[in-house]
C-alpha atoms as a PDB file:
ATOM      1  CA  UNK A   1      72.928  58.496  46.590  1.00  0.00           C
ATOM      2  CA  UNK A   2      72.508  57.125  50.101  1.00  0.00           C
ATOM      3  CA  UNK A   3      76.248  57.415  50.550  1.00  0.00           C
ATOM      4  CA  UNK A   4      76.149  61.033  49.400  1.00  0.00           C
ATOM      5  CA  UNK A   5      73.319  61.815  51.821  1.00  0.00           C
ATOM      6  CA  UNK A   6      75.174  60.143  54.682  1.00  0.00           C
ATOM      7  CA  UNK A   7      78.300  62.123  53.837  1.00  0.00           C
ATOM      8  CA  UNK A   8      76.353  65.375  53.810  1.00  0.00           C
ATOM      9  CA  UNK A   9      74.719  64.565  57.143  1.00  0.00           C
ATOM     10  CA  UNK A  10      78.128  63.760  58.661  1.00  0.00           C
ATOM     11  CA  UNK A  11      79.557  67.033  57.379  1.00  0.00           C
ATOM     12  CA  UNK A  12      76.530  68.888  58.700  1.00  0.00           C
ATOM     13  CA  UNK A  13      76.799  67.166  62.112  1.00  0.00           C
ATOM     14  CA  UNK A  14      80.515  67.846  62.317  1.00  0.00           C
ATOM     15  CA  UNK A  15      79.872  71.465  61.344  1.00  0.00           C
ATOM     16  CA  UNK A  16      77.215  71.729  64.050  1.00  0.00           C
ATOM     17  CA  UNK A  17      79.599  70.247  66.624  1.00  0.00           C
ATOM     18  CA  UNK A  18      82.320  72.669  65.586  1.00  0.00           C
ATOM     19  CA  UNK A  19      79.913  75.595  65.878  1.00  0.00           C
ATOM     20  CA  UNK A  20      78.808  74.414  69.327  1.00  0.00           C
ATOM     21  CA  UNK A  21      82.436  74.039  70.460  1.00  0.00           C
ATOM     22  CA  UNK A  22      83.286  77.481  69.093  1.00  0.00           C
ATOM     23  CA  UNK A  23      80.242  78.901  70.892  1.00  0.00           C
ATOM     24  CA  UNK A  24      81.308  77.258  74.157  1.00  0.00           C
ATOM     25  CA  UNK A  25      84.865  78.551  73.753  1.00  0.00           C
ATOM     26  CA  UNK A  26      83.599  82.066  73.047  1.00  0.00           C
ATOM     27  CA  UNK A  27      81.295  81.901  76.080  1.00  0.00           C
ATOM     28  CA  UNK A  28      84.184  80.687  78.247  1.00  0.00           C
ATOM     29  CA  UNK A  29      86.420  83.448  76.918  1.00  0.00           C
ATOM     30  CA  UNK A  30      83.758  86.075  77.599  1.00  0.00           C
ATOM     31  CA  UNK A  31      83.302  84.646  81.087  1.00  0.00           C
ATOM     32  CA  UNK A  32      87.064  84.791  81.645  1.00  0.00           C
ATOM     33  CA  UNK A  33      87.155  88.397  80.441  1.00  0.00           C
ATOM     34  CA  UNK A  34      84.305  89.269  82.793  1.00  0.00           C
ATOM     35  CA  UNK A  35      86.025  87.523  85.708  1.00  0.00           C
ATOM     36  CA  UNK A  36      89.320  89.256  84.928  1.00  0.00           C
ATOM     37  CA  UNK A  37      87.576  92.623  84.683  1.00  0.00           C
ATOM     38  CA  UNK A  38      85.743  91.936  87.948  1.00  0.00           C
ATOM     39  CA  UNK A  39      88.990  90.962  89.705  1.00  0.00           C
ATOM     40  CA  UNK A  40      90.741  94.057  88.347  1.00  0.00           C
ATOM     41  CA  UNK A  41      87.964  96.246  89.726  1.00  0.00           C
ATOM     42  CA  UNK A  42      88.130  94.439  93.074  1.00  0.00           C
ATOM     43  CA  UNK A  43      91.897  94.947  93.067  1.00  0.00           C
ATOM     44  CA  UNK A  44      91.432  98.677  92.399  1.00  0.00           C
ATOM     45  CA  UNK A  45      88.901  98.923  95.228  1.00  0.00           C
ATOM     46  CA  UNK A  46      91.242  97.079  97.617  1.00  0.00           C
ATOM     47  CA  UNK A  47      94.237  99.228  96.717  1.00  0.00           C
ATOM     48  CA  UNK A  48      92.172 102.419  96.978  1.00  0.00           C
ATOM     49  CA  UNK A  49      91.017 101.406 100.477  1.00  0.00           C
ATOM     50  CA  UNK A  50      94.587 100.532 101.479  1.00  0.00           C
ATOM     51  CA  UNK A  51      95.784 103.865 100.130  1.00  0.00           C
ATOM     52  CA  UNK A  52      93.228 105.714 102.259  1.00  0.00           C
ATOM     53  CA  UNK A  53      94.379 103.785 105.358  1.00  0.00           C
ATOM     54  CA  UNK A  54      98.030 104.534 104.582  1.00  0.00           C
ATOM     55  CA  UNK A  55      97.301 108.242 104.155  1.00  0.00           C
ATOM     56  CA  UNK A  56      95.665 108.236 107.595  1.00  0.00           C
ATOM     57  CA  UNK A  57      98.855 106.603 108.916  1.00  0.00           C
ATOM     58  CA  UNK A  58     100.924 109.359 107.292  1.00  0.00           C
ATOM     59  CA  UNK A  59      98.845 112.027 109.043  1.00  0.00           C
ATOM     60  CA  UNK A  60      99.163 110.254 112.397  1.00  0.00           C
ATOM     61  CA  UNK A  61     102.904 109.749 112.026  1.00  0.00           C
ATOM     62  CA  UNK A  62     103.460 113.376 111.049  1.00  0.00           C
ATOM     63  CA  UNK A  63     101.399 114.557 114.023  1.00  0.00           C
ATOM     64  CA  UNK A  64     103.258 112.341 116.498  1.00  0.00           C
ATOM     65  CA  UNK A  65     106.628 113.302 115.027  1.00  0.00           C
ATOM     66  CA  UNK A  66     105.850 117.011 115.463  1.00  0.00           C
ATOM     67  CA  UNK A  67     104.478 116.384 118.963  1.00  0.00           C
ATOM     68  CA  UNK A  68     107.520 114.401 120.055  1.00  0.00           C
ATOM     69  CA  UNK A  69     109.987 116.850 118.478  1.00  0.00           C
ATOM     70  CA  UNK A  70     108.398 119.569 120.604  1.00  0.00           C
ATOM     71  CA  UNK A  71     108.688 117.359 123.695  1.00  0.00           C
ATOM     72  CA  UNK A  72     112.375 116.717 123.016  1.00  0.00           C
ATOM     73  CA  UNK A  73     113.047 120.430 122.521  1.00  0.00           C
ATOM     74  CA  UNK A  74     111.301 121.159 125.819  1.00  0.00           C
ATOM     75  CA  UNK A  75     113.170 118.449 127.736  1.00  0.00           C
ATOM     76  CA  UNK A  76     116.542 119.528 126.386  1.00  0.00           C
ATOM     77  CA  UNK A  77     115.697 123.074 127.420  1.00  0.00           C
ATOM     78  CA  UNK A  78     114.747 121.775 130.886  1.00  0.00           C
ATOM     79  CA  UNK A  79     118.069 119.941 131.156  1.00  0.00           C
ATOM     80  CA  UNK A  80     119.982 123.096 130.247  1.00  0.00           C
ATOM     81  CA  UNK A  81     118.096 124.932 133.003  1.00  0.00           C
ATOM     82  CA  UNK A  82     118.850 122.179 135.534  1.00  0.00           C
ATOM     83  CA  UNK A  83     122.513 122.227 134.494  1.00  0.00           C
ATOM     84  CA  UNK A  84     122.647 126.036 135.035  1.00  0.00           C
ATOM     85  CA  UNK A  85     123.452 126.532 131.352  1.00  0.00           C
ATOM     86  CA  UNK A  86     120.403 128.737 130.977  1.00  0.00           C
ATOM     87  CA  UNK A  87     118.730 131.132 133.373  1.00  0.00           C
ATOM     88  CA  UNK A  88     115.020 130.593 133.943  1.00  0.00           C
ATOM     89  CA  UNK A  89     112.276 130.805 136.528  1.00  0.00           C
ATOM     90  CA  UNK A  90     110.502 127.747 137.876  1.00  0.00           C
ATOM     91  CA  UNK A  91     107.446 128.711 135.812  1.00  0.00           C
ATOM     92  CA  UNK A  92     109.548 128.731 132.638  1.00  0.00           C
ATOM     93  CA  UNK A  93     111.035 125.362 133.592  1.00  0.00           C
ATOM     94  CA  UNK A  94     107.595 123.884 134.286  1.00  0.00           C
ATOM     95  CA  UNK A  95     106.344 125.039 130.902  1.00  0.00           C
ATOM     96  CA  UNK A  96     108.717 122.548 129.289  1.00  0.00           C
ATOM     97  CA  UNK A  97     108.346 119.924 132.012  1.00  0.00           C
ATOM     98  CA  UNK A  98     104.540 119.779 131.975  1.00  0.00           C
ATOM     99  CA  UNK A  99     104.332 117.050 129.300  1.00  0.00           C
ATOM    100  CA  UNK A 100     106.520 114.655 131.306  1.00  0.00           C
ATOM    101  CA  UNK A 101     103.591 112.259 131.938  1.00  0.00           C
ATOM    102  CA  UNK A 102     102.328 112.308 128.360  1.00  0.00           C
ATOM    103  CA  UNK A 103     103.053 109.452 125.968  1.00  0.00           C
ATOM    104  CA  UNK A 104     101.178 109.342 122.638  1.00  0.00           C
ATOM    105  CA  UNK A 105     101.314 106.215 120.485  1.00  0.00           C
ATOM    106  CA  UNK A 106     100.862 105.496 116.784  1.00  0.00           C
ATOM    107  CA  UNK A 107      98.856 102.476 115.646  1.00  0.00           C
ATOM    108  CA  UNK A 108      98.820 101.697 111.941  1.00  0.00           C
ATOM    109  CA  UNK A 109      95.329 101.639 110.430  1.00  0.00           C
ATOM    110  CA  UNK A 110      95.068  97.907 109.692  1.00  0.00           C
ATOM    111  CA  UNK A 111      91.303  97.596 109.050  1.00  0.00           C
ATOM    112  CA  UNK A 112      91.494  96.888 105.305  1.00  0.00           C
ATOM    113  CA  UNK A 113      94.647  94.768 105.551  1.00  0.00           C
ATOM    114  CA  UNK A 114      93.187  92.584 108.323  1.00  0.00           C
ATOM    115  CA  UNK A 115      90.071  91.978 106.198  1.00  0.00           C
ATOM    116  CA  UNK A 116      92.256  90.995 103.241  1.00  0.00           C
ATOM    117  CA  UNK A 117      94.121  88.481 105.361  1.00  0.00           C
ATOM    118  CA  UNK A 118      90.922  87.054 106.826  1.00  0.00           C
ATOM    119  CA  UNK A 119      89.176  86.665 103.448  1.00  0.00           C
ATOM    120  CA  UNK A 120      92.292  85.756 101.459  1.00  0.00           C
ATOM    121  CA  UNK A 121      91.545  88.553  99.001  1.00  0.00           C
ATOM    122  CA  UNK A 122      95.126  89.800  99.160  1.00  0.00           C
ATOM    123  CA  UNK A 123      95.646  87.311  96.283  1.00  0.00           C
ATOM    124  CA  UNK A 124      93.754  89.788  94.072  1.00  0.00           C
ATOM    125  CA  UNK A 125      96.781  92.102  94.129  1.00  0.00           C
ATOM    126  CA  UNK A 126      98.513  90.746  91.044  1.00  0.00           C
ATOM    127  CA  UNK A 127     101.669  92.839  91.385  1.00  0.00           C
ATOM    128  CA  UNK A 128     103.622  90.586  93.748  1.00  0.00           C
ATOM    129  CA  UNK A 129     106.273  93.207  94.498  1.00  0.00           C
ATOM    130  CA  UNK A 130     103.539  95.606  95.562  1.00  0.00           C
ATOM    131  CA  UNK A 131     101.754  92.888  97.556  1.00  0.00           C
ATOM    132  CA  UNK A 132     104.977  92.022  99.403  1.00  0.00           C
ATOM    133  CA  UNK A 133     105.602  95.701 100.168  1.00  0.00           C
ATOM    134  CA  UNK A 134     102.103  95.969 101.638  1.00  0.00           C
ATOM    135  CA  UNK A 135     102.617  92.884 103.823  1.00  0.00           C
ATOM    136  CA  UNK A 136     106.018  94.143 105.003  1.00  0.00           C
ATOM    137  CA  UNK A 137     104.548  97.546 105.856  1.00  0.00           C
ATOM    138  CA  UNK A 138     101.796  96.087 108.018  1.00  0.00           C
ATOM    139  CA  UNK A 139     104.237  93.758 109.749  1.00  0.00           C
ATOM    140  CA  UNK A 140     106.142  96.793 111.038  1.00  0.00           C
ATOM    141  CA  UNK A 141     106.738  96.522 114.779  1.00  0.00           C
ATOM    142  CA  UNK A 142     106.330  99.740 116.735  1.00  0.00           C
ATOM    143  CA  UNK A 143     105.575  97.949 119.965  1.00  0.00           C
ATOM    144  CA  UNK A 144     108.990  97.751 121.595  1.00  0.00           C
ATOM    145  CA  UNK A 145     109.929 101.449 121.669  1.00  0.00           C
ATOM    146  CA  UNK A 146     106.385 102.644 122.294  1.00  0.00           C
ATOM    147  CA  UNK A 147     105.941 100.111 125.072  1.00  0.00           C
ATOM    148  CA  UNK A 148     109.246 101.153 126.653  1.00  0.00           C
ATOM    149  CA  UNK A 149     108.187 104.800 126.639  1.00  0.00           C
ATOM    150  CA  UNK A 150     104.696 104.038 127.956  1.00  0.00           C
ATOM    151  CA  UNK A 151     105.787 101.649 130.702  1.00  0.00           C
ATOM    152  CA  UNK A 152     108.648 103.836 131.907  1.00  0.00           C
ATOM    153  CA  UNK A 153     106.400 106.903 132.025  1.00  0.00           C
ATOM    154  CA  UNK A 154     103.466 105.231 133.757  1.00  0.00           C
ATOM    155  CA  UNK A 155     105.239 102.868 136.120  1.00  0.00           C
ATOM    156  CA  UNK A 156     108.395 104.791 137.040  1.00  0.00           C
ATOM    157  CA  UNK A 157     108.099 108.486 136.190  1.00  0.00           C
ATOM    158  CA  UNK A 158     104.458 109.062 137.167  1.00  0.00           C
ATOM    159  CA  UNK A 159     104.557 107.651 140.733  1.00  0.00           C
ATOM    160  CA  UNK A 160     107.673 109.658 141.565  1.00  0.00           C
ATOM    161  CA  UNK A 161     106.616 112.950 139.959  1.00  0.00           C
ATOM    162  CA  UNK A 162     103.154 112.775 141.536  1.00  0.00           C
ATOM    163  CA  UNK A 163     104.786 112.553 144.964  1.00  0.00           C
ATOM    164  CA  UNK A 164     107.572 115.033 144.313  1.00  0.00           C
ATOM    165  CA  UNK A 165     105.720 118.256 143.549  1.00  0.00           C
ATOM    166  CA  UNK A 166     102.504 119.753 142.250  1.00  0.00           C
ATOM    167  CA  UNK A 167     101.834 118.949 138.627  1.00  0.00           C
ATOM    168  CA  UNK A 168     102.128 121.859 136.213  1.00  0.00           C
ATOM    169  CA  UNK A 169      98.784 123.409 135.363  1.00  0.00           C
ATOM    170  CA  UNK A 170      97.829 121.699 132.100  1.00  0.00           C
ATOM    171  CA  UNK A 171      95.194 122.707 129.577  1.00  0.00           C
ATOM    172  CA  UNK A 172      93.891 120.185 127.056  1.00  0.00           C
ATOM    173  CA  UNK A 173      91.867 120.912 123.913  1.00  0.00           C
ATOM    174  CA  UNK A 174      89.478 118.128 122.919  1.00  0.00           C
ATOM    175  CA  UNK A 175      88.222 117.211 119.448  1.00  0.00           C
ATOM    176  CA  UNK A 176      85.431 119.809 119.748  1.00  0.00           C
ATOM    177  CA  UNK A 177      87.890 122.596 120.620  1.00  0.00           C
ATOM    178  CA  UNK A 178      86.791 122.637 124.257  1.00  0.00           C
ATOM    179  CA  UNK A 179      89.554 123.681 126.648  1.00  0.00           C
ATOM    180  CA  UNK A 180      89.835 121.408 129.682  1.00  0.00           C
ATOM    181  CA  UNK A 181      91.965 122.826 132.489  1.00  0.00           C
ATOM    182  CA  UNK A 182      93.282 120.888 135.461  1.00  0.00           C
ATOM    183  CA  UNK A 183      91.388 121.697 138.669  1.00  0.00           C
ATOM    184  CA  UNK A 184      93.239 123.771 141.247  1.00  0.00           C
ATOM    185  CA  UNK A 185      96.772 125.142 141.311  1.00  0.00           C
ATOM    186  CA  UNK A 186      99.638 124.978 143.849  1.00  0.00           C
ATOM    187  CA  UNK A 187      98.536 128.319 145.291  1.00  0.00           C
ATOM    188  CA  UNK A 188      95.232 126.733 146.391  1.00  0.00           C
ATOM    189  CA  UNK A 189      96.848 124.316 148.828  1.00  0.00           C
ATOM    190  CA  UNK A 190      98.707 124.586 152.102  1.00  0.00           C
ATOM    191  CA  UNK A 191     101.732 122.456 151.274  1.00  0.00           C
ATOM    192  CA  UNK A 192     104.438 124.524 149.545  1.00  0.00           C
ATOM    193  CA  UNK A 193     105.674 123.467 146.129  1.00  0.00           C
ATOM    194  CA  UNK A 194     109.271 122.618 145.308  1.00  0.00           C
ATOM    195  CA  UNK A 195     111.719 125.281 144.221  1.00  0.00           C
ATOM    196  CA  UNK A 196     113.697 125.200 140.999  1.00  0.00           C
ATOM    197  CA  UNK A 197     116.766 124.365 143.086  1.00  0.00           C
ATOM    198  CA  UNK A 198     114.927 121.309 144.416  1.00  0.00           C
ATOM    199  CA  UNK A 199     114.573 120.127 140.826  1.00  0.00           C
ATOM    200  CA  UNK A 200     118.238 120.870 140.131  1.00  0.00           C
ATOM    201  CA  UNK A 201     119.322 118.722 143.059  1.00  0.00           C
ATOM    202  CA  UNK A 202     117.090 115.752 142.324  1.00  0.00           C
ATOM    203  CA  UNK A 203     118.754 112.843 140.511  1.00  0.00           C
ATOM    204  CA  UNK A 204     115.449 111.288 139.456  1.00  0.00           C
ATOM    205  CA  UNK A 205     114.119 114.436 137.787  1.00  0.00           C
ATOM    206  CA  UNK A 206     117.373 114.912 135.880  1.00  0.00           C
ATOM    207  CA  UNK A 207     117.596 111.258 134.864  1.00  0.00           C
ATOM    208  CA  UNK A 208     113.968 110.905 133.848  1.00  0.00           C
ATOM    209  CA  UNK A 209     114.377 113.891 131.524  1.00  0.00           C
ATOM    210  CA  UNK A 210     117.520 112.335 130.061  1.00  0.00           C
ATOM    211  CA  UNK A 211     115.910 108.893 129.749  1.00  0.00           C
ATOM    212  CA  UNK A 212     112.716 110.138 128.160  1.00  0.00           C
ATOM    213  CA  UNK A 213     114.610 112.374 125.712  1.00  0.00           C
ATOM    214  CA  UNK A 214     116.728 109.412 124.621  1.00  0.00           C
ATOM    215  CA  UNK A 215     113.673 107.175 124.271  1.00  0.00           C
ATOM    216  CA  UNK A 216     111.773 109.793 122.264  1.00  0.00           C
ATOM    217  CA  UNK A 217     114.695 110.411 119.904  1.00  0.00           C
ATOM    218  CA  UNK A 218     114.982 106.680 119.210  1.00  0.00           C
ATOM    219  CA  UNK A 219     111.234 106.407 118.677  1.00  0.00           C
ATOM    220  CA  UNK A 220     111.232 109.398 116.295  1.00  0.00           C
ATOM    221  CA  UNK A 221     113.831 107.663 114.128  1.00  0.00           C
ATOM    222  CA  UNK A 222     111.504 104.661 113.928  1.00  0.00           C
ATOM    223  CA  UNK A 223     108.549 106.893 113.076  1.00  0.00           C
ATOM    224  CA  UNK A 224     110.591 108.584 110.339  1.00  0.00           C
ATOM    225  CA  UNK A 225     111.500 105.216 108.792  1.00  0.00           C
ATOM    226  CA  UNK A 226     107.875 104.076 108.806  1.00  0.00           C
ATOM    227  CA  UNK A 227     106.734 107.430 107.440  1.00  0.00           C
ATOM    228  CA  UNK A 228     109.124 107.059 104.486  1.00  0.00           C
ATOM    229  CA  UNK A 229     107.853 103.521 103.971  1.00  0.00           C
ATOM    230  CA  UNK A 230     104.235 104.726 104.020  1.00  0.00           C
ATOM    231  CA  UNK A 231     104.927 107.529 101.531  1.00  0.00           C
ATOM    232  CA  UNK A 232     106.745 105.174  99.160  1.00  0.00           C
ATOM    233  CA  UNK A 233     103.933 102.629  99.399  1.00  0.00           C
ATOM    234  CA  UNK A 234     101.346 105.334  98.712  1.00  0.00           C
ATOM    235  CA  UNK A 235     103.259 106.312  95.555  1.00  0.00           C
ATOM    236  CA  UNK A 236     103.636 102.670  94.460  1.00  0.00           C
ATOM    237  CA  UNK A 237      99.898 102.034  94.830  1.00  0.00           C
ATOM    238  CA  UNK A 238      99.073 105.216  92.919  1.00  0.00           C
ATOM    239  CA  UNK A 239     101.474 104.268  90.113  1.00  0.00           C
ATOM    240  CA  UNK A 240      99.880 100.826  89.872  1.00  0.00           C
ATOM    241  CA  UNK A 241      96.372 102.320  89.759  1.00  0.00           C
ATOM    242  CA  UNK A 242      97.407 104.848  87.106  1.00  0.00           C
ATOM    243  CA  UNK A 243      98.898 102.130  84.896  1.00  0.00           C
ATOM    244  CA  UNK A 244      95.794  99.951  84.914  1.00  0.00           C
END
């Protein structure tokens, strides 16, 4: 009888141990499910934030592309006037020439991506192809062409143009739709302005228009490539979010 009791107690103890182990395993599994669900939600939040940043980039790139296309059209028109391929007054020439000191850069919106790199949370993006595409996108280098345009305009074009003739009368609209107009015009001052023929006979004016047109066209190609990359990445993120 003692042996029977001992056997029953052993079976009961083993059963209890098995139940405890099963309970622990279930608790661990539930914890894993909760962690996985939490990480999936964090991944969704990260990708949604990245998508918003990328869509801001798309808007900026589109704006700068349109702006620079208009500049190129104006400069090519100016060059045709200077080459006597098109008749125009000085005022008509200056209308296209007036943006000669403007630059305009695009900086990718890296706020979310920089935070991911700092915290290491980029690991939460489980789709490695998508993660690599995101990293490649934010490693895009716009610096060289933008820097060339900026430095040439500020350090070479601006000093010469400012000493050559009066600047065209420019009007700027700020973010609150206020129109800001440059103070004074050539007619307000004693020194006479240059004639259109003076522009036609000046090597620097001709060459700076040619140089800046070439630089802008090269930069626009780069913007177009990055814009395509941004649009494709936006679609890839959306597809990933939709499939979750």
